Amino acid sequence: MTNSTETVLSSTNEDSSEKQGNFSYDSFWKDLIKRFCYYLIMRTLPELYKMIDMSAEPRFLDKEFTDVVNIGNPKYRTSPFYADLVFEIPLIGGGKAYIIFHVEIQGRKGDIPERMNHYRCLIYSHYREEPVALAVITEGHKNKERFYSHSHFGTEVIYRYNNLVLADLDDDELQASDNPIDLALFAAKCALKAKEEAQKYTYLRTLLGLLAERGWAEKDKEDLLLFLERIINLTDKELEKQYTEYRAQLSREGKIVYIPLGERELAKELKQQGMDEMAREMAKNLLNEGISPDIIANSIAKSYGWPMEQARSFVN
């Protein structure tokens, strides 16, 4: 295996827009995959997983890949014609893996194998590397074609890629697994099967109980809990009240930690405000000492992990 690998992960659901309302599940799947990308690779691509240098974090390259394909016909500039999530992970021995995700949850017209081939062409044209491709199929059907083929005047292309088909996964295996991504996959299966609010409530209690039993990191459990609640999407007020009471009980027992989404966003905002204030104070002090604005901006950028343009705004 080479030291440079590109992996495409495409998550699709042909009919969820009718079943699950108007909530943007795309963003929650994206957040989930960002948080648990190594776990997803462990579940789906074990050979690649063994090569990952776990001492380093993945580096996200979304903007870079978007800029590369943001040319030509305007209809190809947006999802589903290119990957939404791109990140680089380190491999043992100093190599790199470019993991390209295309996340498409709500139903759209189009052929999955054709789109997967399109992603392959984009990746090869930019990186000159053949991708290791994986499609995560979250729709309910088992028997659709899972490879791309095309024949034209004697020229034939057959492109086979890896598939993780939600409908093919075993419920008992997912529930017993110690891999956090498997609990999310089980939740997605529950969401597809839940036709009534009472079913949603039962599934949600089961999922919360499974989460409470796990010895995972607190932050992992927090983020999974948010995903579970959003994808099940319980709306009945009385059942929601009963579920909230059950969740509060588990929280008092120290089995879960629950932070509402609104409070999370507020915390991020306050944290950002604090960082902004510190950056302004840093710039002010260094300017008073006669330090060059370019040197100050570079110091701020390195200290907070900001782009230079943002860092310069505190100097000007």
C-alpha atoms as a PDB file:
ATOM      1  CA  MET A   1       0.000   0.000   0.000  1.00  0.00           C
ATOM      2  CA  THR A   2       1.308   3.468  -0.858  1.00  0.00           C
ATOM      3  CA  ASN A   3       1.970   6.213   1.668  1.00  0.00           C
ATOM      4  CA  SER A   4      -0.654   8.486   0.115  1.00  0.00           C
ATOM      5  CA  THR A   5      -4.265   7.324   0.170  1.00  0.00           C
ATOM      6  CA  GLU A   6      -7.489   9.134  -0.669  1.00  0.00           C
ATOM      7  CA  THR A   7     -10.711   7.762   0.805  1.00  0.00           C
ATOM      8  CA  VAL A   8     -14.204   8.865  -0.187  1.00  0.00           C
ATOM      9  CA  LEU A   9     -17.063   8.315   2.232  1.00  0.00           C
ATOM     10  CA  SER A  10     -20.524   9.040   0.861  1.00  0.00           C
ATOM     11  CA  SER A  11     -23.517   8.901   3.177  1.00  0.00           C
ATOM     12  CA  THR A  12     -26.870   8.793   1.387  1.00  0.00           C
ATOM     13  CA  ASN A  13     -30.537   8.448   2.180  1.00  0.00           C
ATOM     14  CA  GLU A  14     -32.941   8.536  -0.735  1.00  0.00           C
ATOM     15  CA  ASP A  15     -36.173   9.116   1.205  1.00  0.00           C
ATOM     16  CA  SER A  16     -35.332  10.669   4.577  1.00  0.00           C
ATOM     17  CA  SER A  17     -36.651  14.085   3.561  1.00  0.00           C
ATOM     18  CA  GLU A  18     -40.189  12.693   3.655  1.00  0.00           C
ATOM     19  CA  LYS A  19     -39.722  10.521   6.731  1.00  0.00           C
ATOM     20  CA  GLN A  20     -37.789  12.870   8.964  1.00  0.00           C
ATOM     21  CA  GLY A  21     -39.146  16.334   8.295  1.00  0.00           C
ATOM     22  CA  ASN A  22     -37.255  19.510   7.501  1.00  0.00           C
ATOM     23  CA  PHE A  23     -34.459  19.253  10.063  1.00  0.00           C
ATOM     24  CA  SER A  24     -30.997  19.491   8.538  1.00  0.00           C
ATOM     25  CA  TYR A  25     -29.599  16.040   9.262  1.00  0.00           C
ATOM     26  CA  ASP A  26     -26.754  16.758   6.839  1.00  0.00           C
ATOM     27  CA  SER A  27     -24.973  18.966   9.346  1.00  0.00           C
ATOM     28  CA  PHE A  28     -25.398  16.521  12.221  1.00  0.00           C
ATOM     29  CA  TRP A  29     -23.992  13.658  10.162  1.00  0.00           C
ATOM     30  CA  LYS A  30     -21.097  15.872   9.142  1.00  0.00           C
ATOM     31  CA  ASP A  31     -20.389  16.815  12.751  1.00  0.00           C
ATOM     32  CA  LEU A  32     -20.619  13.172  13.785  1.00  0.00           C
ATOM     33  CA  ILE A  33     -18.178  12.033  11.096  1.00  0.00           C
ATOM     34  CA  LYS A  34     -15.734  14.816  11.953  1.00  0.00           C
ATOM     35  CA  ARG A  35     -15.795  13.830  15.616  1.00  0.00           C
ATOM     36  CA  PHE A  36     -15.615  10.071  15.075  1.00  0.00           C
ATOM     37  CA  CYS A  37     -13.793   9.709  11.747  1.00  0.00           C
ATOM     38  CA  TYR A  38     -11.183   7.305  13.154  1.00  0.00           C
ATOM     39  CA  TYR A  39     -13.928   5.136  14.636  1.00  0.00           C
ATOM     40  CA  LEU A  40     -15.740   5.085  11.286  1.00  0.00           C
ATOM     41  CA  ILE A  41     -12.548   4.019   9.531  1.00  0.00           C
ATOM     42  CA  MET A  42     -11.993   1.326  12.182  1.00  0.00           C
ATOM     43  CA  ARG A  43     -15.492  -0.024  11.504  1.00  0.00           C
ATOM     44  CA  THR A  44     -15.343   0.102   7.701  1.00  0.00           C
ATOM     45  CA  LEU A  45     -11.682   0.054   6.577  1.00  0.00           C
ATOM     46  CA  PRO A  46      -9.726  -1.934   9.185  1.00  0.00           C
ATOM     47  CA  GLU A  47      -6.612  -2.263   6.995  1.00  0.00           C
ATOM     48  CA  LEU A  48      -6.378   1.512   6.612  1.00  0.00           C
ATOM     49  CA  TYR A  49      -7.145   1.985  10.315  1.00  0.00           C
ATOM     50  CA  LYS A  50      -4.092  -0.093  11.271  1.00  0.00           C
ATOM     51  CA  MET A  51      -1.892   2.359   9.356  1.00  0.00           C
ATOM     52  CA  ILE A  52      -3.117   5.531  11.113  1.00  0.00           C
ATOM     53  CA  ASP A  53      -0.725   7.329  13.451  1.00  0.00           C
ATOM     54  CA  MET A  54      -3.054   7.753  16.429  1.00  0.00           C
ATOM     55  CA  SER A  55      -0.716  10.191  18.161  1.00  0.00           C
ATOM     56  CA  ALA A  56      -1.760  12.949  15.731  1.00  0.00           C
ATOM     57  CA  GLU A  57      -5.082  14.587  14.968  1.00  0.00           C
ATOM     58  CA  PRO A  58      -6.641  14.775  11.500  1.00  0.00           C
ATOM     59  CA  ARG A  59      -6.260  18.060   9.629  1.00  0.00           C
ATOM     60  CA  PHE A  60      -9.366  19.279   7.835  1.00  0.00           C
ATOM     61  CA  LEU A  61      -8.921  20.467   4.247  1.00  0.00           C
ATOM     62  CA  ASP A  62     -12.496  21.348   3.264  1.00  0.00           C
ATOM     63  CA  LYS A  63     -11.634  24.793   1.903  1.00  0.00           C
ATOM     64  CA  GLU A  64      -8.704  23.531  -0.175  1.00  0.00           C
ATOM     65  CA  PHE A  65     -10.736  20.894  -1.976  1.00  0.00           C
ATOM     66  CA  THR A  66     -13.708  23.221  -2.500  1.00  0.00           C
ATOM     67  CA  ASP A  67     -11.457  25.798  -4.150  1.00  0.00           C
ATOM     68  CA  VAL A  68     -10.014  23.169  -6.477  1.00  0.00           C
ATOM     69  CA  VAL A  69     -13.406  22.088  -7.863  1.00  0.00           C
ATOM     70  CA  ASN A  70     -15.032  25.530  -7.796  1.00  0.00           C
ATOM     71  CA  ILE A  71     -14.476  25.956 -11.529  1.00  0.00           C
ATOM     72  CA  GLY A  72     -16.270  25.186 -14.772  1.00  0.00           C
ATOM     73  CA  ASN A  73     -19.976  24.428 -14.963  1.00  0.00           C
ATOM     74  CA  PRO A  74     -21.685  26.063 -11.927  1.00  0.00           C
ATOM     75  CA  LYS A  75     -23.872  23.014 -11.264  1.00  0.00           C
ATOM     76  CA  TYR A  76     -20.771  20.999 -10.362  1.00  0.00           C
ATOM     77  CA  ARG A  77     -19.645  23.470  -7.698  1.00  0.00           C
ATOM     78  CA  THR A  78     -21.993  22.269  -4.997  1.00  0.00           C
ATOM     79  CA  SER A  79     -23.093  19.041  -3.318  1.00  0.00           C
ATOM     80  CA  PRO A  80     -23.627  16.328  -4.477  1.00  0.00           C
ATOM     81  CA  PHE A  81     -20.939  16.850  -7.122  1.00  0.00           C
ATOM     82  CA  TYR A  82     -17.971  17.131  -4.775  1.00  0.00           C
ATOM     83  CA  ALA A  83     -17.030  16.065  -1.280  1.00  0.00           C
ATOM     84  CA  ASP A  84     -18.290  18.210   1.586  1.00  0.00           C
ATOM     85  CA  LEU A  85     -15.682  17.068   4.115  1.00  0.00           C
ATOM     86  CA  VAL A  86     -12.001  16.642   3.394  1.00  0.00           C
ATOM     87  CA  PHE A  87      -9.274  15.921   5.914  1.00  0.00           C
ATOM     88  CA  GLU A  88      -5.735  14.663   6.031  1.00  0.00           C
ATOM     89  CA  ILE A  89      -4.684  12.021   8.523  1.00  0.00           C
ATOM     90  CA  PRO A  90      -1.143  10.920   9.348  1.00  0.00           C
ATOM     91  CA  LEU A  91      -0.012   7.366   8.698  1.00  0.00           C
ATOM     92  CA  ILE A  92       2.586   5.380  10.584  1.00  0.00           C
ATOM     93  CA  GLY A  93       5.974   5.962   8.999  1.00  0.00           C
ATOM     94  CA  GLY A  94       5.288   9.545   7.952  1.00  0.00           C
ATOM     95  CA  GLY A  95       2.799   9.013   5.134  1.00  0.00           C
ATOM     96  CA  LYS A  96      -0.546  10.762   4.775  1.00  0.00           C
ATOM     97  CA  ALA A  97      -4.082   9.753   3.938  1.00  0.00           C
ATOM     98  CA  TYR A  98      -6.498  12.205   2.330  1.00  0.00           C
ATOM     99  CA  ILE A  99      -9.970  11.243   3.483  1.00  0.00           C
ATOM    100  CA  ILE A 100     -12.694  12.780   1.321  1.00  0.00           C
ATOM    101  CA  PHE A 101     -16.280  12.622   2.556  1.00  0.00           C
ATOM    102  CA  HIS A 102     -19.381  13.334   0.567  1.00  0.00           C
ATOM    103  CA  VAL A 103     -22.267  13.574   3.014  1.00  0.00           C
ATOM    104  CA  GLU A 104     -25.704  13.423   1.444  1.00  0.00           C
ATOM    105  CA  ILE A 105     -28.499  12.509   3.831  1.00  0.00           C
ATOM    106  CA  GLN A 106     -31.682  14.015   2.438  1.00  0.00           C
ATOM    107  CA  GLY A 107     -33.021  12.421  -0.738  1.00  0.00           C
ATOM    108  CA  ARG A 108     -31.837  13.886  -4.026  1.00  0.00           C
ATOM    109  CA  LYS A 109     -32.264  12.723  -7.585  1.00  0.00           C
ATOM    110  CA  GLY A 110     -29.258  10.984  -9.027  1.00  0.00           C
ATOM    111  CA  ASP A 111     -27.366   7.730  -9.212  1.00  0.00           C
ATOM    112  CA  ILE A 112     -25.066   6.849  -6.299  1.00  0.00           C
ATOM    113  CA  PRO A 113     -22.530   4.816  -8.365  1.00  0.00           C
ATOM    114  CA  GLU A 114     -22.312   7.643 -10.904  1.00  0.00           C
ATOM    115  CA  ARG A 115     -21.655  10.172  -8.144  1.00  0.00           C
ATOM    116  CA  MET A 116     -19.032   7.916  -6.569  1.00  0.00           C
ATOM    117  CA  ASN A 117     -17.242   7.714  -9.917  1.00  0.00           C
ATOM    118  CA  HIS A 118     -17.445  11.505 -10.198  1.00  0.00           C
ATOM    119  CA  TYR A 119     -15.743  11.876  -6.792  1.00  0.00           C
ATOM    120  CA  ARG A 120     -13.034   9.456  -7.910  1.00  0.00           C
ATOM    121  CA  CYS A 121     -12.361  11.532 -11.029  1.00  0.00           C
ATOM    122  CA  LEU A 122     -12.134  14.762  -9.013  1.00  0.00           C
ATOM    123  CA  ILE A 123      -9.714  13.239  -6.533  1.00  0.00           C
ATOM    124  CA  TYR A 124      -7.498  11.693  -9.188  1.00  0.00           C
ATOM    125  CA  SER A 125      -7.387  14.884 -11.267  1.00  0.00           C
ATOM    126  CA  HIS A 126      -6.240  16.912  -8.240  1.00  0.00           C
ATOM    127  CA  TYR A 127      -4.063  14.495  -6.244  1.00  0.00           C
ATOM    128  CA  ARG A 128      -3.044  12.016  -8.995  1.00  0.00           C
ATOM    129  CA  GLU A 129      -3.872   9.225  -6.567  1.00  0.00           C
ATOM    130  CA  GLU A 130      -6.491   6.503  -6.930  1.00  0.00           C
ATOM    131  CA  PRO A 131      -8.947   6.728  -4.023  1.00  0.00           C
ATOM    132  CA  VAL A 132      -9.959   4.085  -1.524  1.00  0.00           C
ATOM    133  CA  ALA A 133     -13.693   4.702  -1.721  1.00  0.00           C
ATOM    134  CA  LEU A 134     -16.452   3.969   0.778  1.00  0.00           C
ATOM    135  CA  ALA A 135     -20.148   4.740   0.441  1.00  0.00           C
ATOM    136  CA  VAL A 136     -22.165   4.723   3.655  1.00  0.00           C
ATOM    137  CA  ILE A 137     -25.697   3.967   2.473  1.00  0.00           C
ATOM    138  CA  THR A 138     -28.262   5.068   5.067  1.00  0.00           C
ATOM    139  CA  GLU A 139     -31.332   4.366   2.958  1.00  0.00           C
ATOM    140  CA  GLY A 140     -33.477   1.351   3.698  1.00  0.00           C
ATOM    141  CA  HIS A 141     -32.940  -0.684   0.523  1.00  0.00           C
ATOM    142  CA  LYS A 142     -30.555  -3.638   0.282  1.00  0.00           C
ATOM    143  CA  ASN A 143     -30.553  -4.639  -3.362  1.00  0.00           C
ATOM    144  CA  LYS A 144     -29.441  -1.569  -5.312  1.00  0.00           C
ATOM    145  CA  GLU A 145     -26.328  -1.743  -7.472  1.00  0.00           C
ATOM    146  CA  ARG A 146     -23.219  -0.831  -5.472  1.00  0.00           C
ATOM    147  CA  PHE A 147     -20.632  -0.268  -8.209  1.00  0.00           C
ATOM    148  CA  TYR A 148     -20.212   1.916 -11.280  1.00  0.00           C
ATOM    149  CA  SER A 149     -20.010   0.521 -14.798  1.00  0.00           C
ATOM    150  CA  HIS A 150     -20.013   2.142 -18.221  1.00  0.00           C
ATOM    151  CA  SER A 151     -19.422   0.865 -21.736  1.00  0.00           C
ATOM    152  CA  HIS A 152     -18.967   3.117 -24.755  1.00  0.00           C
ATOM    153  CA  PHE A 153     -17.841   1.912 -28.214  1.00  0.00           C
ATOM    154  CA  GLY A 154     -15.567  -0.780 -26.831  1.00  0.00           C
ATOM    155  CA  THR A 155     -14.272   1.229 -23.878  1.00  0.00           C
ATOM    156  CA  GLU A 156     -15.483  -0.228 -20.572  1.00  0.00           C
ATOM    157  CA  VAL A 157     -15.118   1.085 -17.040  1.00  0.00           C
ATOM    158  CA  ILE A 158     -15.989  -0.927 -13.929  1.00  0.00           C
ATOM    159  CA  TYR A 159     -15.410   0.869 -10.644  1.00  0.00           C
ATOM    160  CA  ARG A 160     -16.026  -1.125  -7.469  1.00  0.00           C
ATOM    161  CA  TYR A 161     -15.896   0.650  -4.134  1.00  0.00           C
ATOM    162  CA  ASN A 162     -16.566  -0.299  -0.509  1.00  0.00           C
ATOM    163  CA  ASN A 163     -20.106  -0.013   0.816  1.00  0.00           C
ATOM    164  CA  LEU A 164     -21.464   0.148   4.326  1.00  0.00           C
ATOM    165  CA  VAL A 165     -25.190  -0.487   3.906  1.00  0.00           C
ATOM    166  CA  LEU A 166     -27.188   0.429   6.990  1.00  0.00           C
ATOM    167  CA  ALA A 167     -29.942  -2.088   6.230  1.00  0.00           C
ATOM    168  CA  ASP A 168     -27.380  -4.922   6.164  1.00  0.00           C
ATOM    169  CA  LEU A 169     -26.022  -4.235   9.649  1.00  0.00           C
ATOM    170  CA  ASP A 170     -27.066  -6.480  12.527  1.00  0.00           C
ATOM    171  CA  ASP A 171     -28.919  -4.682  15.334  1.00  0.00           C
ATOM    172  CA  ASP A 172     -27.578  -6.922  18.089  1.00  0.00           C
ATOM    173  CA  GLU A 173     -24.002  -6.475  16.897  1.00  0.00           C
ATOM    174  CA  LEU A 174     -24.373  -2.696  16.788  1.00  0.00           C
ATOM    175  CA  GLN A 175     -25.873  -2.575  20.287  1.00  0.00           C
ATOM    176  CA  ALA A 176     -23.131  -4.774  21.753  1.00  0.00           C
ATOM    177  CA  SER A 177     -20.276  -2.915  20.050  1.00  0.00           C
ATOM    178  CA  ASP A 178     -17.833  -0.750  21.996  1.00  0.00           C
ATOM    179  CA  ASN A 179     -17.260   1.451  18.933  1.00  0.00           C
ATOM    180  CA  PRO A 180     -19.101   4.794  19.343  1.00  0.00           C
ATOM    181  CA  ILE A 181     -19.878   5.019  15.624  1.00  0.00           C
ATOM    182  CA  ASP A 182     -21.876   1.776  15.855  1.00  0.00           C
ATOM    183  CA  LEU A 183     -24.277   3.344  18.346  1.00  0.00           C
ATOM    184  CA  ALA A 184     -24.820   6.202  15.886  1.00  0.00           C
ATOM    185  CA  LEU A 185     -25.439   3.704  13.070  1.00  0.00           C
ATOM    186  CA  PHE A 186     -27.937   1.841  15.249  1.00  0.00           C
ATOM    187  CA  ALA A 187     -29.680   5.133  15.996  1.00  0.00           C
ATOM    188  CA  ALA A 188     -29.930   5.809  12.260  1.00  0.00           C
ATOM    189  CA  LYS A 189     -31.544   2.400  11.771  1.00  0.00           C
ATOM    190  CA  CYS A 190     -33.997   3.133  14.571  1.00  0.00           C
ATOM    191  CA  ALA A 191     -34.888   6.474  12.984  1.00  0.00           C
ATOM    192  CA  LEU A 192     -35.744   4.754   9.699  1.00  0.00           C
ATOM    193  CA  LYS A 193     -37.924   2.154  11.419  1.00  0.00           C
ATOM    194  CA  ALA A 194     -39.773   4.516  13.775  1.00  0.00           C
ATOM    195  CA  LYS A 195     -43.180   5.302  12.252  1.00  0.00           C
ATOM    196  CA  GLU A 196     -44.937   6.561  15.377  1.00  0.00           C
ATOM    197  CA  GLU A 197     -43.936   8.813  18.260  1.00  0.00           C
ATOM    198  CA  ALA A 198     -44.274   5.923  20.725  1.00  0.00           C
ATOM    199  CA  GLN A 199     -41.704   3.972  18.708  1.00  0.00           C
ATOM    200  CA  LYS A 200     -39.359   6.950  18.712  1.00  0.00           C
ATOM    201  CA  TYR A 201     -39.687   7.207  22.489  1.00  0.00           C
ATOM    202  CA  THR A 202     -38.906   3.511  22.990  1.00  0.00           C
ATOM    203  CA  TYR A 203     -35.898   3.655  20.697  1.00  0.00           C
ATOM    204  CA  LEU A 204     -34.607   6.837  22.305  1.00  0.00           C
ATOM    205  CA  ARG A 205     -34.788   5.341  25.815  1.00  0.00           C
ATOM    206  CA  THR A 206     -32.985   2.236  24.586  1.00  0.00           C
ATOM    207  CA  LEU A 207     -30.261   4.312  22.943  1.00  0.00           C
ATOM    208  CA  LEU A 208     -29.828   6.498  25.996  1.00  0.00           C
ATOM    209  CA  GLY A 209     -29.551   3.406  28.191  1.00  0.00           C
ATOM    210  CA  LEU A 210     -26.872   1.958  25.924  1.00  0.00           C
ATOM    211  CA  LEU A 211     -24.974   5.247  25.977  1.00  0.00           C
ATOM    212  CA  ALA A 212     -25.140   5.407  29.769  1.00  0.00           C
ATOM    213  CA  GLU A 213     -23.593   1.933  30.054  1.00  0.00           C
ATOM    214  CA  ARG A 214     -20.546   2.795  27.972  1.00  0.00           C
ATOM    215  CA  GLY A 215     -17.264   3.865  29.510  1.00  0.00           C
ATOM    216  CA  TRP A 216     -16.460   6.285  26.702  1.00  0.00           C
ATOM    217  CA  ALA A 217     -14.958   9.730  27.186  1.00  0.00           C
ATOM    218  CA  GLU A 218     -17.410  12.299  28.531  1.00  0.00           C
ATOM    219  CA  LYS A 219     -17.095  14.537  25.464  1.00  0.00           C
ATOM    220  CA  ASP A 220     -17.741  11.590  23.137  1.00  0.00           C
ATOM    221  CA  LYS A 221     -20.897  10.721  25.058  1.00  0.00           C
ATOM    222  CA  GLU A 222     -22.076  14.349  25.003  1.00  0.00           C
ATOM    223  CA  ASP A 223     -21.760  14.598  21.236  1.00  0.00           C
ATOM    224  CA  LEU A 224     -23.337  11.195  20.634  1.00  0.00           C
ATOM    225  CA  LEU A 225     -26.285  12.122  22.834  1.00  0.00           C
ATOM    226  CA  LEU A 226     -26.921  15.232  20.781  1.00  0.00           C
ATOM    227  CA  PHE A 227     -26.826  13.166  17.568  1.00  0.00           C
ATOM    228  CA  LEU A 228     -29.140  10.464  18.968  1.00  0.00           C
ATOM    229  CA  GLU A 229     -31.782  12.979  19.995  1.00  0.00           C
ATOM    230  CA  ARG A 230     -31.670  14.849  16.719  1.00  0.00           C
ATOM    231  CA  ILE A 231     -31.854  11.843  14.432  1.00  0.00           C
ATOM    232  CA  ILE A 232     -34.717  10.227  16.363  1.00  0.00           C
ATOM    233  CA  ASN A 233     -36.463  13.621  16.513  1.00  0.00           C
ATOM    234  CA  LEU A 234     -39.112  12.960  19.172  1.00  0.00           C
ATOM    235  CA  THR A 235     -41.836  15.634  18.900  1.00  0.00           C
ATOM    236  CA  ASP A 236     -44.690  14.420  21.137  1.00  0.00           C
ATOM    237  CA  LYS A 237     -44.706  16.790  24.127  1.00  0.00           C
ATOM    238  CA  GLU A 238     -45.825  14.277  26.744  1.00  0.00           C
ATOM    239  CA  LEU A 239     -43.369  11.601  25.596  1.00  0.00           C
ATOM    240  CA  GLU A 240     -40.657  14.222  25.365  1.00  0.00           C
ATOM    241  CA  LYS A 241     -41.339  15.156  28.994  1.00  0.00           C
ATOM    242  CA  GLN A 242     -41.057  11.516  30.073  1.00  0.00           C
ATOM    243  CA  TYR A 243     -37.828  11.120  28.141  1.00  0.00           C
ATOM    244  CA  THR A 244     -36.400  14.332  29.640  1.00  0.00           C
ATOM    245  CA  GLU A 245     -37.138  13.013  33.142  1.00  0.00           C
ATOM    246  CA  TYR A 246     -35.362   9.743  32.331  1.00  0.00           C
ATOM    247  CA  ARG A 247     -32.378  11.643  30.954  1.00  0.00           C
ATOM    248  CA  ALA A 248     -32.249  13.823  34.075  1.00  0.00           C
ATOM    249  CA  GLN A 249     -32.247  10.693  36.251  1.00  0.00           C
ATOM    250  CA  LEU A 250     -29.268   9.268  34.384  1.00  0.00           C
ATOM    251  CA  SER A 251     -27.529  12.628  34.623  1.00  0.00           C
ATOM    252  CA  ARG A 252     -28.009  12.717  38.417  1.00  0.00           C
ATOM    253  CA  GLU A 253     -26.503   9.232  38.588  1.00  0.00           C
ATOM    254  CA  GLY A 254     -23.450  10.520  36.726  1.00  0.00           C
ATOM    255  CA  LYS A 255     -23.985   8.204  33.749  1.00  0.00           C
ATOM    256  CA  ILE A 256     -24.387  10.929  31.130  1.00  0.00           C
ATOM    257  CA  VAL A 257     -23.732  14.645  30.783  1.00  0.00           C
ATOM    258  CA  TYR A 258     -26.287  16.658  28.847  1.00  0.00           C
ATOM    259  CA  ILE A 259     -25.578  20.118  27.445  1.00  0.00           C
ATOM    260  CA  PRO A 260     -28.366  21.559  25.223  1.00  0.00           C
ATOM    261  CA  LEU A 261     -27.323  22.693  21.761  1.00  0.00           C
ATOM    262  CA  GLY A 262     -28.213  26.327  22.511  1.00  0.00           C
ATOM    263  CA  GLU A 263     -25.959  26.358  25.563  1.00  0.00           C
ATOM    264  CA  ARG A 264     -23.135  24.800  23.556  1.00  0.00           C
ATOM    265  CA  GLU A 265     -23.362  27.552  20.953  1.00  0.00           C
ATOM    266  CA  LEU A 266     -23.429  30.211  23.698  1.00  0.00           C
ATOM    267  CA  ALA A 267     -20.333  28.689  25.297  1.00  0.00           C
ATOM    268  CA  LYS A 268     -18.534  28.767  21.951  1.00  0.00           C
ATOM    269  CA  GLU A 269     -19.493  32.407  21.493  1.00  0.00           C
ATOM    270  CA  LEU A 270     -18.289  33.390  24.966  1.00  0.00           C
ATOM    271  CA  LYS A 271     -15.057  31.473  24.442  1.00  0.00           C
ATOM    272  CA  GLN A 272     -14.523  33.267  21.143  1.00  0.00           C
ATOM    273  CA  GLN A 273     -15.232  36.629  22.773  1.00  0.00           C
ATOM    274  CA  GLY A 274     -12.622  35.831  25.418  1.00  0.00           C
ATOM    275  CA  MET A 275     -10.051  34.883  22.790  1.00  0.00           C
ATOM    276  CA  ASP A 276     -10.774  38.068  20.860  1.00  0.00           C
ATOM    277  CA  GLU A 277     -10.213  40.175  23.968  1.00  0.00           C
ATOM    278  CA  MET A 278      -6.922  38.430  24.730  1.00  0.00           C
ATOM    279  CA  ALA A 279      -5.776  38.894  21.133  1.00  0.00           C
ATOM    280  CA  ARG A 280      -6.561  42.629  21.266  1.00  0.00           C
ATOM    281  CA  GLU A 281      -4.659  42.991  24.536  1.00  0.00           C
ATOM    282  CA  MET A 282      -1.698  41.063  23.124  1.00  0.00           C
ATOM    283  CA  ALA A 283      -1.605  43.249  19.998  1.00  0.00           C
ATOM    284  CA  LYS A 284      -1.881  46.439  22.038  1.00  0.00           C
ATOM    285  CA  ASN A 285       0.989  45.519  24.353  1.00  0.00           C
ATOM    286  CA  LEU A 286       3.295  44.452  21.521  1.00  0.00           C
ATOM    287  CA  LEU A 287       2.540  47.573  19.477  1.00  0.00           C
ATOM    288  CA  ASN A 288       3.440  49.701  22.508  1.00  0.00           C
ATOM    289  CA  GLU A 289       6.758  47.877  22.602  1.00  0.00           C
ATOM    290  CA  GLY A 290       7.425  48.832  18.975  1.00  0.00           C
ATOM    291  CA  ILE A 291       7.024  45.336  17.533  1.00  0.00           C
ATOM    292  CA  SER A 292       6.267  45.137  13.814  1.00  0.00           C
ATOM    293  CA  PRO A 293       2.531  44.616  13.014  1.00  0.00           C
ATOM    294  CA  ASP A 294       3.425  41.701  10.721  1.00  0.00           C
ATOM    295  CA  ILE A 295       5.337  39.974  13.516  1.00  0.00           C
ATOM    296  CA  ILE A 296       2.429  40.590  15.925  1.00  0.00           C
ATOM    297  CA  ALA A 297      -0.110  39.184  13.468  1.00  0.00           C
ATOM    298  CA  ASN A 298       2.051  36.116  12.918  1.00  0.00           C
ATOM    299  CA  SER A 299       2.321  35.578  16.692  1.00  0.00           C
ATOM    300  CA  ILE A 300      -1.458  35.862  17.148  1.00  0.00           C
ATOM    301  CA  ALA A 301      -2.097  33.471  14.265  1.00  0.00           C
ATOM    302  CA  LYS A 302       0.220  30.862  15.769  1.00  0.00           C
ATOM    303  CA  SER A 303      -1.093  31.329  19.302  1.00  0.00           C
ATOM    304  CA  TYR A 304      -4.772  30.864  18.419  1.00  0.00           C
ATOM    305  CA  GLY A 305      -4.566  28.787  15.261  1.00  0.00           C
ATOM    306  CA  TRP A 306      -6.180  31.575  13.220  1.00  0.00           C
ATOM    307  CA  PRO A 307      -5.570  32.479   9.566  1.00  0.00           C
ATOM    308  CA  MET A 308      -3.320  35.509   9.026  1.00  0.00           C
ATOM    309  CA  GLU A 309      -6.182  37.662   7.719  1.00  0.00           C
ATOM    310  CA  GLN A 310      -8.083  37.207  10.987  1.00  0.00           C
ATOM    311  CA  ALA A 311      -4.956  37.797  13.060  1.00  0.00           C
ATOM    312  CA  ARG A 312      -4.154  41.053  11.200  1.00  0.00           C
ATOM    313  CA  SER A 313      -7.592  42.459  12.067  1.00  0.00           C
ATOM    314  CA  PHE A 314      -6.458  42.798  15.699  1.00  0.00           C
ATOM    315  CA  VAL A 315      -3.368  44.797  14.704  1.00  0.00           C
ATOM    316  CA  ASN A 316      -4.933  47.296  12.285  1.00  0.00           C
END
